């Protein structure tokens, strides 16, 4: 009979202790779950930050390319104006001579005009190629700027969402740990006056 009572007491203790261990295991599983969620949320925040940085770099590069292209366009415009003025100045004396009645002098003037025109065409072609290259830089800059602005909106909202999820999981973990560590203080019994 004593052994039966001792066995029942031992079984009761083991059941109580295993129930307590199961609860502790659940608690630690809950904490681990939130910790894992926090880790995943941090990874998402980092990925979103990389995308936002990429969009910002596209905007920055596009802006730099646009500024560079505008500056170069002004220079090319000034060079073209100078080239045109120089061409007109170089041609002016020979145009008059080419219309002279002296055939030899007119032939020499026409040959000189031909050389001046050939030189002008070569220089104009160089400026035209520079202008085309500048237009390419300008269009690339506009494309990068538009692309960056398009990405920035979506990426920034995903970054805010990831940051909000991270904050939520951190807060939930804190509350869970507080709940687990909370120990109710024993109530003090008031002594009854007799």
N, C-alpha and C. Protein backbone atom coordinates (compact mmCIF):
# COMPACT_ATOMS: atom_id res chain seq x y z
N UNK A 1 0.82 -1.17 0.00
CA UNK A 1 0.00 0.00 0.00
C UNK A 1 0.87 1.25 0.00
N UNK A 2 1.92 1.24 0.77
CA UNK A 2 2.83 2.38 0.82
C UNK A 2 3.49 2.57 -0.54
N UNK A 3 3.85 1.49 -1.18
CA UNK A 3 4.49 1.59 -2.49
C UNK A 3 3.53 2.13 -3.52
N UNK A 4 2.27 1.77 -3.42
CA UNK A 4 1.26 2.26 -4.36
C UNK A 4 1.09 3.76 -4.18
N UNK A 5 1.05 4.22 -2.98
CA UNK A 5 0.89 5.65 -2.71
C UNK A 5 2.12 6.40 -3.19
N UNK A 6 3.29 5.84 -2.93
CA UNK A 6 4.52 6.48 -3.38
C UNK A 6 4.57 6.53 -4.92
N UNK A 7 4.11 5.49 -5.57
CA UNK A 7 4.08 5.45 -7.04
C UNK A 7 3.13 6.50 -7.58
N UNK A 8 1.96 6.63 -6.98
CA UNK A 8 0.98 7.64 -7.41
C UNK A 8 1.56 9.03 -7.22
N UNK A 9 2.23 9.27 -6.12
CA UNK A 9 2.83 10.58 -5.86
C UNK A 9 3.94 10.85 -6.89
N UNK A 10 4.73 9.85 -7.18
CA UNK A 10 5.81 10.01 -8.15
C UNK A 10 5.26 10.31 -9.55
N UNK A 11 4.22 9.61 -9.93
CA UNK A 11 3.60 9.84 -11.24
C UNK A 11 3.00 11.24 -11.30
N UNK A 12 2.37 11.68 -10.25
CA UNK A 12 1.77 13.02 -10.21
C UNK A 12 2.85 14.09 -10.35
N UNK A 13 3.95 13.90 -9.62
CA UNK A 13 5.06 14.86 -9.73
C UNK A 13 5.64 14.89 -11.14
N UNK A 14 5.79 13.72 -11.74
CA UNK A 14 6.35 13.67 -13.09
C UNK A 14 5.40 14.33 -14.10
N UNK A 15 4.08 14.13 -13.92
CA UNK A 15 3.12 14.77 -14.81
C UNK A 15 3.14 16.28 -14.64
N UNK A 16 3.21 16.73 -13.41
CA UNK A 16 3.25 18.16 -13.16
C UNK A 16 4.53 18.79 -13.73
N UNK A 17 5.65 18.10 -13.51
CA UNK A 17 6.91 18.65 -14.00
C UNK A 17 6.96 18.61 -15.53
N UNK A 18 6.41 17.57 -16.17
CA UNK A 18 6.41 17.50 -17.63
C UNK A 18 5.47 18.55 -18.21
N UNK A 19 4.36 18.83 -17.55
CA UNK A 19 3.43 19.87 -18.00
C UNK A 19 4.11 21.22 -17.91
N UNK A 20 4.88 21.41 -16.86
CA UNK A 20 5.59 22.66 -16.69
C UNK A 20 6.68 22.79 -17.75
N UNK A 21 7.39 21.69 -18.07
CA UNK A 21 8.42 21.71 -19.10
C UNK A 21 7.81 21.96 -20.48
N UNK A 22 6.64 21.42 -20.77
CA UNK A 22 5.98 21.63 -22.04
C UNK A 22 5.64 23.10 -22.20
N UNK A 23 5.17 23.70 -21.15
CA UNK A 23 4.85 25.12 -21.19
C UNK A 23 6.11 25.94 -21.45
N UNK A 24 7.20 25.60 -20.81
CA UNK A 24 8.47 26.29 -21.02
C UNK A 24 8.95 26.07 -22.44
N UNK A 25 8.79 24.89 -22.97
CA UNK A 25 9.19 24.60 -24.34
C UNK A 25 8.35 25.42 -25.32
N UNK A 26 7.07 25.55 -25.03
CA UNK A 26 6.21 26.38 -25.89
C UNK A 26 6.66 27.83 -25.85
N UNK A 27 6.94 28.28 -24.64
CA UNK A 27 7.38 29.67 -24.49
C UNK A 27 8.67 29.91 -25.28
N UNK A 28 9.62 29.01 -25.12
CA UNK A 28 10.89 29.19 -25.85
C UNK A 28 10.67 29.08 -27.35
N UNK A 29 9.74 28.24 -27.77
CA UNK A 29 9.42 28.13 -29.20
C UNK A 29 8.82 29.43 -29.71
N UNK A 30 7.96 30.04 -28.91
CA UNK A 30 7.36 31.31 -29.30
C UNK A 30 8.42 32.40 -29.41
N UNK A 31 9.33 32.42 -28.45
CA UNK A 31 10.41 33.41 -28.47
C UNK A 31 11.29 33.18 -29.70
N UNK A 32 11.63 31.92 -29.96
CA UNK A 32 12.46 31.61 -31.12
C UNK A 32 11.75 31.99 -32.42
N UNK A 33 10.45 31.79 -32.45
CA UNK A 33 9.67 32.15 -33.64
C UNK A 33 9.77 33.65 -33.90
N UNK A 34 9.62 34.46 -32.85
CA UNK A 34 9.73 35.90 -33.01
C UNK A 34 11.15 36.32 -33.37
N UNK A 35 12.15 35.65 -32.78
CA UNK A 35 13.53 35.97 -33.12
C UNK A 35 13.80 35.68 -34.59
N UNK A 36 13.30 34.56 -35.08
CA UNK A 36 13.46 34.20 -36.50
C UNK A 36 12.73 35.22 -37.38
N UNK A 37 11.55 35.63 -36.96
CA UNK A 37 10.81 36.64 -37.72
C UNK A 37 11.57 37.95 -37.77
N UNK A 38 12.22 38.30 -36.67
CA UNK A 38 13.02 39.52 -36.63
C UNK A 38 14.19 39.41 -37.59
N UNK A 39 14.86 38.24 -37.61
CA UNK A 39 15.99 38.05 -38.52
C UNK A 39 15.53 38.19 -39.98
N UNK A 40 14.41 37.57 -40.31
CA UNK A 40 13.89 37.65 -41.68
C UNK A 40 13.48 39.08 -42.02
N UNK A 41 12.91 39.77 -41.06
CA UNK A 41 12.50 41.16 -41.29
C UNK A 41 13.73 42.05 -41.52
N UNK A 42 14.82 41.78 -40.78
CA UNK A 42 16.06 42.54 -40.98
C UNK A 42 16.61 42.31 -42.39
N UNK A 43 16.56 41.06 -42.85
CA UNK A 43 17.02 40.73 -44.20
C UNK A 43 16.18 41.49 -45.24
N UNK A 44 14.87 41.53 -45.03
CA UNK A 44 13.99 42.25 -45.95
C UNK A 44 14.28 43.74 -45.94
N UNK A 45 14.55 44.28 -44.76
CA UNK A 45 14.89 45.70 -44.67
C UNK A 45 16.19 45.97 -45.43
N UNK A 46 17.19 45.10 -45.25
CA UNK A 46 18.46 45.28 -45.95
C UNK A 46 18.28 45.20 -47.47
N UNK A 47 17.48 44.24 -47.93
CA UNK A 47 17.23 44.12 -49.37
C UNK A 47 16.52 45.35 -49.91
N UNK A 48 15.53 45.82 -49.17
CA UNK A 48 14.79 47.00 -49.59
C UNK A 48 15.70 48.23 -49.61
N UNK A 49 16.61 48.32 -48.63
CA UNK A 49 17.53 49.45 -48.57
C UNK A 49 18.47 49.44 -49.77
N UNK A 50 18.92 48.25 -50.18
CA UNK A 50 19.79 48.14 -51.36
C UNK A 50 19.04 48.63 -52.60
N UNK A 51 17.77 48.26 -52.72
CA UNK A 51 16.98 48.70 -53.87
C UNK A 51 16.77 50.21 -53.86
N UNK A 52 16.52 50.77 -52.69
CA UNK A 52 16.34 52.23 -52.59
C UNK A 52 17.65 52.93 -52.96
N UNK A 53 18.77 52.39 -52.50
CA UNK A 53 20.07 52.97 -52.84
C UNK A 53 20.32 52.90 -54.35
N UNK A 54 19.90 51.79 -54.97
CA UNK A 54 20.04 51.63 -56.42
C UNK A 54 19.22 52.70 -57.14
N UNK A 55 17.99 52.90 -56.72
CA UNK A 55 17.14 53.92 -57.35
C UNK A 55 17.74 55.31 -57.16
N UNK A 56 18.25 55.59 -55.97
CA UNK A 56 18.87 56.89 -55.71
C UNK A 56 20.11 57.10 -56.58
N UNK A 57 20.89 56.02 -56.78
CA UNK A 57 22.08 56.14 -57.61
C UNK A 57 21.70 56.39 -59.07
N UNK A 58 20.61 55.76 -59.53
CA UNK A 58 20.15 56.03 -60.90
C UNK A 58 19.74 57.49 -61.05
N UNK A 59 19.05 58.01 -60.07
CA UNK A 59 18.64 59.42 -60.10
C UNK A 59 19.86 60.32 -60.12
N UNK A 60 20.84 60.01 -59.29
CA UNK A 60 22.05 60.82 -59.21
C UNK A 60 22.83 60.76 -60.53
N UNK A 61 23.01 59.56 -61.07
CA UNK A 61 23.74 59.41 -62.33
C UNK A 61 23.01 60.12 -63.46
N UNK A 62 21.69 59.95 -63.52
CA UNK A 62 20.90 60.61 -64.54
C UNK A 62 21.01 62.12 -64.47
N UNK A 63 20.97 62.66 -63.28
CA UNK A 63 21.09 64.10 -63.09
C UNK A 63 22.47 64.59 -63.54
N UNK A 64 23.51 63.83 -63.18
CA UNK A 64 24.87 64.20 -63.60
C UNK A 64 25.01 64.16 -65.11
N UNK A 65 24.44 63.12 -65.75
CA UNK A 65 24.51 63.01 -67.20
C UNK A 65 23.76 64.16 -67.87
N UNK A 66 22.60 64.52 -67.34
CA UNK A 66 21.85 65.65 -67.91
C UNK A 66 22.64 66.96 -67.79
N UNK A 67 23.23 67.19 -66.64
CA UNK A 67 24.02 68.41 -66.45
C UNK A 67 25.22 68.44 -67.39
N UNK A 68 25.89 67.29 -67.51
CA UNK A 68 27.04 67.19 -68.40
C UNK A 68 26.61 67.45 -69.85
N UNK A 69 25.51 66.85 -70.28
CA UNK A 69 25.03 67.01 -71.64
C UNK A 69 24.62 68.46 -71.92
N UNK A 70 23.99 69.11 -70.96
CA UNK A 70 23.59 70.51 -71.16
C UNK A 70 24.81 71.41 -71.29
N UNK A 71 25.82 71.17 -70.46
CA UNK A 71 27.04 71.97 -70.52
C UNK A 71 27.74 71.75 -71.87
N UNK A 72 27.84 70.50 -72.28
CA UNK A 72 28.48 70.18 -73.55
C UNK A 72 27.69 70.75 -74.73
N UNK A 73 26.37 70.75 -74.64
CA UNK A 73 25.53 71.31 -75.71
C UNK A 73 25.80 72.80 -75.87
N UNK A 74 25.98 73.51 -74.76
CA UNK A 74 26.29 74.94 -74.84
C UNK A 74 27.64 75.16 -75.52
N UNK A 75 28.62 74.32 -75.15
CA UNK A 75 29.95 74.43 -75.76
C UNK A 75 29.89 74.14 -77.26
N UNK A 76 29.15 73.10 -77.62
CA UNK A 76 29.05 72.73 -79.03
C UNK A 76 28.33 73.81 -79.84
N UNK A 77 27.34 74.41 -79.24
CA UNK A 77 26.62 75.49 -79.91
C UNK A 77 27.56 76.67 -80.16
N UNK A 78 28.37 76.99 -79.15
CA UNK A 78 29.34 78.09 -79.30
C UNK A 78 30.39 77.73 -80.36
N UNK A 79 30.86 76.49 -80.36
CA UNK A 79 31.85 76.06 -81.36
C UNK A 79 31.25 76.13 -82.76
N UNK A 80 30.01 75.71 -82.91
CA UNK A 80 29.35 75.75 -84.22
C UNK A 80 29.21 77.19 -84.70
N UNK A 81 28.84 78.07 -83.81
CA UNK A 81 28.69 79.48 -84.16
C UNK A 81 30.04 80.07 -84.58
N UNK A 82 31.07 79.73 -83.84
CA UNK A 82 32.42 80.21 -84.16
C UNK A 82 32.87 79.66 -85.51
N UNK A 83 32.62 78.38 -85.74
CA UNK A 83 33.01 77.74 -87.00
C UNK A 83 32.29 78.40 -88.19
N UNK A 84 31.00 78.66 -88.02
CA UNK A 84 30.23 79.30 -89.09
C UNK A 84 30.76 80.71 -89.39
N UNK A 85 31.05 81.46 -88.33
CA UNK A 85 31.59 82.82 -88.52
C UNK A 85 32.95 82.77 -89.21
N UNK A 86 33.79 81.84 -88.76
CA UNK A 86 35.12 81.72 -89.35
C UNK A 86 35.02 81.32 -90.82
N UNK A 87 34.09 80.42 -91.12
CA UNK A 87 33.90 79.99 -92.51
C UNK A 87 33.45 81.17 -93.38
N UNK A 88 32.52 81.92 -92.87
CA UNK A 88 32.04 83.08 -93.63
C UNK A 88 33.16 84.10 -93.83
N UNK A 89 33.95 84.31 -92.79
CA UNK A 89 35.06 85.26 -92.86
C UNK A 89 36.11 84.79 -93.86
N UNK A 90 36.44 83.50 -93.83
CA UNK A 90 37.45 82.95 -94.74
C UNK A 90 36.98 83.00 -96.20
N UNK A 91 35.72 82.82 -96.45
CA UNK A 91 35.17 82.78 -97.81
C UNK A 91 35.03 84.18 -98.43
N UNK A 92 34.74 85.15 -97.60
CA UNK A 92 34.37 86.48 -98.09
C UNK A 92 35.35 87.05 -99.14
N UNK A 93 36.66 87.08 -98.88
CA UNK A 93 37.54 87.70 -99.89
C UNK A 93 37.62 86.89 -101.20
N UNK A 94 37.51 85.58 -101.07
CA UNK A 94 37.65 84.75 -102.26
C UNK A 94 36.38 84.74 -103.12
N UNK A 95 35.25 85.01 -102.52
CA UNK A 95 34.00 85.07 -103.28
C UNK A 95 34.06 86.25 -104.26
N UNK A 96 34.58 87.37 -103.78
CA UNK A 96 34.69 88.54 -104.64
C UNK A 96 35.69 88.28 -105.78
N UNK A 97 36.79 87.66 -105.42
CA UNK A 97 37.83 87.39 -106.42
C UNK A 97 37.34 86.37 -107.45
N UNK A 98 36.57 85.36 -106.99
CA UNK A 98 36.10 84.33 -107.91
C UNK A 98 35.16 84.90 -108.99
N UNK A 99 34.62 86.06 -108.74
CA UNK A 99 33.72 86.69 -109.70
C UNK A 99 34.45 87.70 -110.59
N UNK A 100 35.75 87.74 -110.43
CA UNK A 100 36.52 88.71 -111.22
C UNK A 100 36.58 88.28 -112.69
N UNK A 101 36.98 89.20 -113.53
CA UNK A 101 37.02 88.94 -114.95
C UNK A 101 38.31 88.23 -115.35
N UNK A 102 39.30 88.30 -114.45
CA UNK A 102 40.56 87.60 -114.73
C UNK A 102 40.35 86.13 -114.46
N UNK A 103 40.49 85.30 -115.49
CA UNK A 103 40.18 83.87 -115.36
C UNK A 103 41.15 83.14 -114.45
N UNK A 104 42.40 83.44 -114.51
CA UNK A 104 43.40 82.77 -113.67
C UNK A 104 43.16 83.09 -112.19
N UNK A 105 42.94 84.35 -111.93
CA UNK A 105 42.65 84.79 -110.55
C UNK A 105 41.35 84.17 -110.06
N UNK A 106 40.34 84.12 -110.86
CA UNK A 106 39.05 83.53 -110.50
C UNK A 106 39.19 82.04 -110.25
N UNK A 107 40.00 81.34 -111.07
CA UNK A 107 40.21 79.90 -110.89
C UNK A 107 40.92 79.62 -109.57
N UNK A 108 41.94 80.44 -109.26
CA UNK A 108 42.66 80.28 -107.98
C UNK A 108 41.70 80.53 -106.81
N UNK A 109 40.86 81.53 -106.91
CA UNK A 109 39.91 81.86 -105.84
C UNK A 109 38.90 80.73 -105.67
N UNK A 110 38.46 80.16 -106.80
CA UNK A 110 37.51 79.04 -106.70
C UNK A 110 38.16 77.82 -106.07
N UNK A 111 39.43 77.56 -106.39
CA UNK A 111 40.16 76.45 -105.79
C UNK A 111 40.31 76.68 -104.29
N UNK A 112 40.61 77.91 -103.94
CA UNK A 112 40.75 78.26 -102.51
C UNK A 112 39.41 78.11 -101.79
N UNK A 113 38.34 78.53 -102.44
CA UNK A 113 36.99 78.36 -101.85
C UNK A 113 36.67 76.89 -101.64
N UNK A 114 37.09 76.07 -102.60
CA UNK A 114 36.85 74.63 -102.48
C UNK A 114 37.57 74.06 -101.26
N UNK A 115 38.81 74.47 -101.04
CA UNK A 115 39.58 74.01 -99.88
C UNK A 115 38.92 74.49 -98.58
N UNK A 116 38.50 75.73 -98.57
CA UNK A 116 37.84 76.29 -97.38
C UNK A 116 36.55 75.52 -97.09
N UNK A 117 35.78 75.24 -98.13
CA UNK A 117 34.52 74.50 -97.94
C UNK A 117 34.79 73.08 -97.47
N UNK A 118 35.82 72.43 -98.01
CA UNK A 118 36.17 71.06 -97.60
C UNK A 118 36.59 71.05 -96.13
N UNK A 119 37.39 72.01 -95.75
CA UNK A 119 37.83 72.13 -94.34
C UNK A 119 36.62 72.37 -93.44
N UNK A 120 35.72 73.24 -93.88
CA UNK A 120 34.52 73.54 -93.10
C UNK A 120 33.65 72.29 -92.94
N UNK A 121 33.46 71.56 -94.03
CA UNK A 121 32.64 70.35 -93.96
C UNK A 121 33.24 69.32 -93.01
N UNK A 122 34.57 69.17 -93.01
CA UNK A 122 35.23 68.22 -92.10
C UNK A 122 35.02 68.65 -90.65
N UNK A 123 35.22 69.94 -90.39
CA UNK A 123 35.01 70.44 -89.02
C UNK A 123 33.55 70.35 -88.60
N UNK A 124 32.65 70.62 -89.53
CA UNK A 124 31.22 70.52 -89.23
C UNK A 124 30.83 69.08 -88.93
N UNK A 125 31.43 68.14 -89.66
CA UNK A 125 31.14 66.72 -89.42
C UNK A 125 31.62 66.31 -88.02
N UNK A 126 32.78 66.78 -87.61
CA UNK A 126 33.29 66.49 -86.27
C UNK A 126 32.32 67.04 -85.22
N UNK A 127 31.87 68.27 -85.42
CA UNK A 127 30.91 68.86 -84.48
C UNK A 127 29.58 68.11 -84.50
N UNK A 128 29.18 67.65 -85.66
CA UNK A 128 27.93 66.88 -85.76
C UNK A 128 28.05 65.56 -84.99
N UNK A 129 29.20 64.91 -85.11
CA UNK A 129 29.42 63.66 -84.37
C UNK A 129 29.43 63.91 -82.87
N UNK A 130 30.04 65.00 -82.45
CA UNK A 130 30.05 65.36 -81.03
C UNK A 130 28.62 65.63 -80.54
N UNK A 131 27.83 66.28 -81.38
CA UNK A 131 26.44 66.59 -81.02
C UNK A 131 25.63 65.30 -80.88
N UNK A 132 25.84 64.36 -81.79
CA UNK A 132 25.13 63.07 -81.71
C UNK A 132 25.52 62.34 -80.43
N UNK A 133 26.81 62.34 -80.11
CA UNK A 133 27.26 61.68 -78.87
C UNK A 133 26.65 62.37 -77.65
N UNK A 134 26.57 63.70 -77.70
CA UNK A 134 25.97 64.45 -76.60
C UNK A 134 24.48 64.14 -76.48
N UNK A 135 23.81 64.02 -77.62
CA UNK A 135 22.38 63.67 -77.58
C UNK A 135 22.17 62.30 -76.95
N UNK A 136 23.11 61.40 -77.23
CA UNK A 136 23.04 60.05 -76.64
C UNK A 136 23.19 60.13 -75.12
N UNK A 137 24.13 60.95 -74.65
CA UNK A 137 24.32 61.13 -73.21
C UNK A 137 23.07 61.75 -72.59
N UNK A 138 22.50 62.70 -73.30
CA UNK A 138 21.29 63.37 -72.81
C UNK A 138 20.13 62.38 -72.68
N UNK A 139 19.92 61.55 -73.71
CA UNK A 139 18.82 60.59 -73.65
C UNK A 139 19.06 59.52 -72.58
N UNK A 140 20.32 59.10 -72.42
CA UNK A 140 20.65 58.13 -71.38
C UNK A 140 20.41 58.73 -70.00
N UNK A 141 20.78 59.99 -69.82
CA UNK A 141 20.55 60.68 -68.55
C UNK A 141 19.07 60.78 -68.23
N UNK A 142 18.26 61.13 -69.24
CA UNK A 142 16.81 61.22 -69.02
C UNK A 142 16.25 59.85 -68.67
N UNK A 143 16.72 58.82 -69.37
CA UNK A 143 16.22 57.46 -69.12
C UNK A 143 16.58 57.01 -67.71
N UNK A 144 17.83 57.26 -67.29
CA UNK A 144 18.25 56.88 -65.94
C UNK A 144 17.46 57.64 -64.88
N UNK A 145 17.23 58.92 -65.12
CA UNK A 145 16.48 59.73 -64.15
C UNK A 145 15.05 59.22 -64.04
N UNK A 146 14.40 58.99 -65.17
CA UNK A 146 13.02 58.49 -65.14
C UNK A 146 12.94 57.11 -64.49
N UNK A 147 13.89 56.25 -64.82
CA UNK A 147 13.93 54.89 -64.26
C UNK A 147 14.12 54.95 -62.74
N UNK A 148 15.05 55.79 -62.31
CA UNK A 148 15.30 55.93 -60.88
C UNK A 148 14.10 56.47 -60.13
N UNK A 149 13.43 57.46 -60.71
CA UNK A 149 12.24 58.02 -60.06
C UNK A 149 11.11 56.99 -60.02
N UNK A 150 11.00 56.19 -61.07
CA UNK A 150 9.97 55.15 -61.08
C UNK A 150 10.22 54.09 -60.02
N UNK A 151 11.48 53.69 -59.91
CA UNK A 151 11.83 52.67 -58.91
C UNK A 151 11.72 53.22 -57.49
N UNK A 152 12.10 54.48 -57.31
CA UNK A 152 12.20 55.05 -55.96
C UNK A 152 10.88 54.96 -55.20
N UNK A 153 9.78 55.27 -55.86
CA UNK A 153 8.49 55.24 -55.17
C UNK A 153 8.15 53.87 -54.63
N UNK A 154 8.27 52.87 -55.48
CA UNK A 154 7.93 51.51 -55.06
C UNK A 154 8.91 50.96 -54.03
N UNK A 155 10.20 51.22 -54.25
CA UNK A 155 11.20 50.70 -53.34
C UNK A 155 11.12 51.37 -51.97
N UNK A 156 10.83 52.65 -51.95
CA UNK A 156 10.73 53.34 -50.66
C UNK A 156 9.52 52.86 -49.86
N UNK A 157 8.43 52.57 -50.56
CA UNK A 157 7.26 52.05 -49.84
C UNK A 157 7.52 50.64 -49.32
N UNK A 158 8.26 49.82 -50.09
CA UNK A 158 8.58 48.48 -49.60
C UNK A 158 9.56 48.56 -48.43
N UNK A 159 10.45 49.54 -48.45
CA UNK A 159 11.37 49.73 -47.32
C UNK A 159 10.59 50.13 -46.07
N UNK A 160 9.64 51.04 -46.20
CA UNK A 160 8.83 51.46 -45.04
C UNK A 160 8.04 50.28 -44.49
N UNK A 161 7.51 49.47 -45.39
CA UNK A 161 6.73 48.29 -44.97
C UNK A 161 7.63 47.30 -44.23
N UNK A 162 8.83 47.07 -44.76
CA UNK A 162 9.76 46.14 -44.11
C UNK A 162 10.19 46.67 -42.74
N UNK A 163 10.42 47.97 -42.65
CA UNK A 163 10.80 48.56 -41.36
C UNK A 163 9.65 48.46 -40.36
N UNK A 164 8.43 48.65 -40.85
CA UNK A 164 7.26 48.54 -39.96
C UNK A 164 7.12 47.10 -39.46
N UNK A 165 7.32 46.11 -40.34
CA UNK A 165 7.26 44.71 -39.92
C UNK A 165 8.33 44.39 -38.89
N UNK A 166 9.53 44.91 -39.11
CA UNK A 166 10.62 44.69 -38.16
C UNK A 166 10.26 45.28 -36.80
N UNK A 167 9.75 46.48 -36.77
CA UNK A 167 9.37 47.12 -35.51
C UNK A 167 8.26 46.32 -34.82
N UNK A 168 7.30 45.82 -35.62
CA UNK A 168 6.20 45.03 -35.06
C UNK A 168 6.74 43.76 -34.39
N UNK A 169 7.60 43.04 -35.08
CA UNK A 169 8.13 41.79 -34.50
C UNK A 169 8.99 42.05 -33.27
N UNK A 170 9.75 43.13 -33.27
CA UNK A 170 10.54 43.47 -32.08
C UNK A 170 9.63 43.77 -30.90
N UNK A 171 8.58 44.51 -31.17
CA UNK A 171 7.62 44.87 -30.12
C UNK A 171 6.92 43.62 -29.57
N UNK A 172 6.50 42.74 -30.48
CA UNK A 172 5.83 41.50 -30.06
C UNK A 172 6.77 40.63 -29.22
N UNK A 173 8.04 40.59 -29.61
CA UNK A 173 9.01 39.81 -28.83
C UNK A 173 9.16 40.40 -27.44
N UNK A 174 9.23 41.71 -27.35
CA UNK A 174 9.34 42.36 -26.04
C UNK A 174 8.13 42.03 -25.16
N UNK A 175 6.95 42.13 -25.74
CA UNK A 175 5.73 41.84 -24.97
C UNK A 175 5.70 40.38 -24.54
N UNK A 176 6.10 39.48 -25.41
CA UNK A 176 6.11 38.05 -25.08
C UNK A 176 7.09 37.79 -23.94
N UNK A 177 8.26 38.36 -24.03
CA UNK A 177 9.27 38.15 -22.97
C UNK A 177 8.78 38.76 -21.66
N UNK A 178 8.16 39.93 -21.73
CA UNK A 178 7.61 40.54 -20.51
C UNK A 178 6.55 39.65 -19.89
N UNK A 179 5.69 39.08 -20.73
CA UNK A 179 4.64 38.19 -20.23
C UNK A 179 5.24 36.95 -19.59
N UNK A 180 6.29 36.43 -20.19
CA UNK A 180 6.91 35.22 -19.66
C UNK A 180 7.65 35.50 -18.35
N UNK A 181 8.22 36.67 -18.24
CA UNK A 181 8.98 37.01 -17.04
C UNK A 181 8.11 37.60 -15.94
N UNK A 182 6.87 37.88 -16.24
CA UNK A 182 5.98 38.49 -15.27
C UNK A 182 5.64 37.47 -14.19
N UNK A 183 5.90 37.88 -13.00
CA UNK A 183 5.54 37.05 -11.85
C UNK A 183 4.59 37.88 -11.00
N UNK A 184 3.46 37.29 -10.76
CA UNK A 184 2.47 38.01 -9.98
C UNK A 184 2.92 38.02 -8.53
N UNK A 185 2.92 39.20 -7.96
CA UNK A 185 3.32 39.32 -6.57
C UNK A 185 2.21 38.76 -5.69
N UNK A 186 2.63 38.02 -4.70
CA UNK A 186 1.60 37.47 -3.82
C UNK A 186 0.86 38.60 -3.09
N UNK A 187 -0.41 38.40 -2.96
CA UNK A 187 -1.23 39.41 -2.29
C UNK A 187 -1.03 39.29 -0.80
N UNK A 188 -0.90 40.41 -0.21
CA UNK A 188 -0.74 40.42 1.24
C UNK A 188 -2.14 40.35 1.84
N UNK A 189 -2.25 39.43 2.70
CA UNK A 189 -3.54 39.27 3.35
C UNK A 189 -3.64 40.29 4.48
N UNK A 190 -4.76 40.92 4.53
CA UNK A 190 -4.98 41.88 5.61
C UNK A 190 -5.39 41.10 6.85
N UNK A 191 -4.82 41.53 7.87
CA UNK A 191 -5.18 40.87 9.13
C UNK A 191 -6.53 41.41 9.57
N UNK A 192 -7.33 40.47 9.89
CA UNK A 192 -8.68 40.85 10.33
C UNK A 192 -8.63 41.17 11.80
N UNK A 193 -9.31 42.21 12.10
CA UNK A 193 -9.38 42.58 13.52
C UNK A 193 -10.49 41.76 14.15
N UNK A 194 -10.18 41.26 15.25
CA UNK A 194 -11.15 40.43 15.97
C UNK A 194 -11.84 41.18 17.03
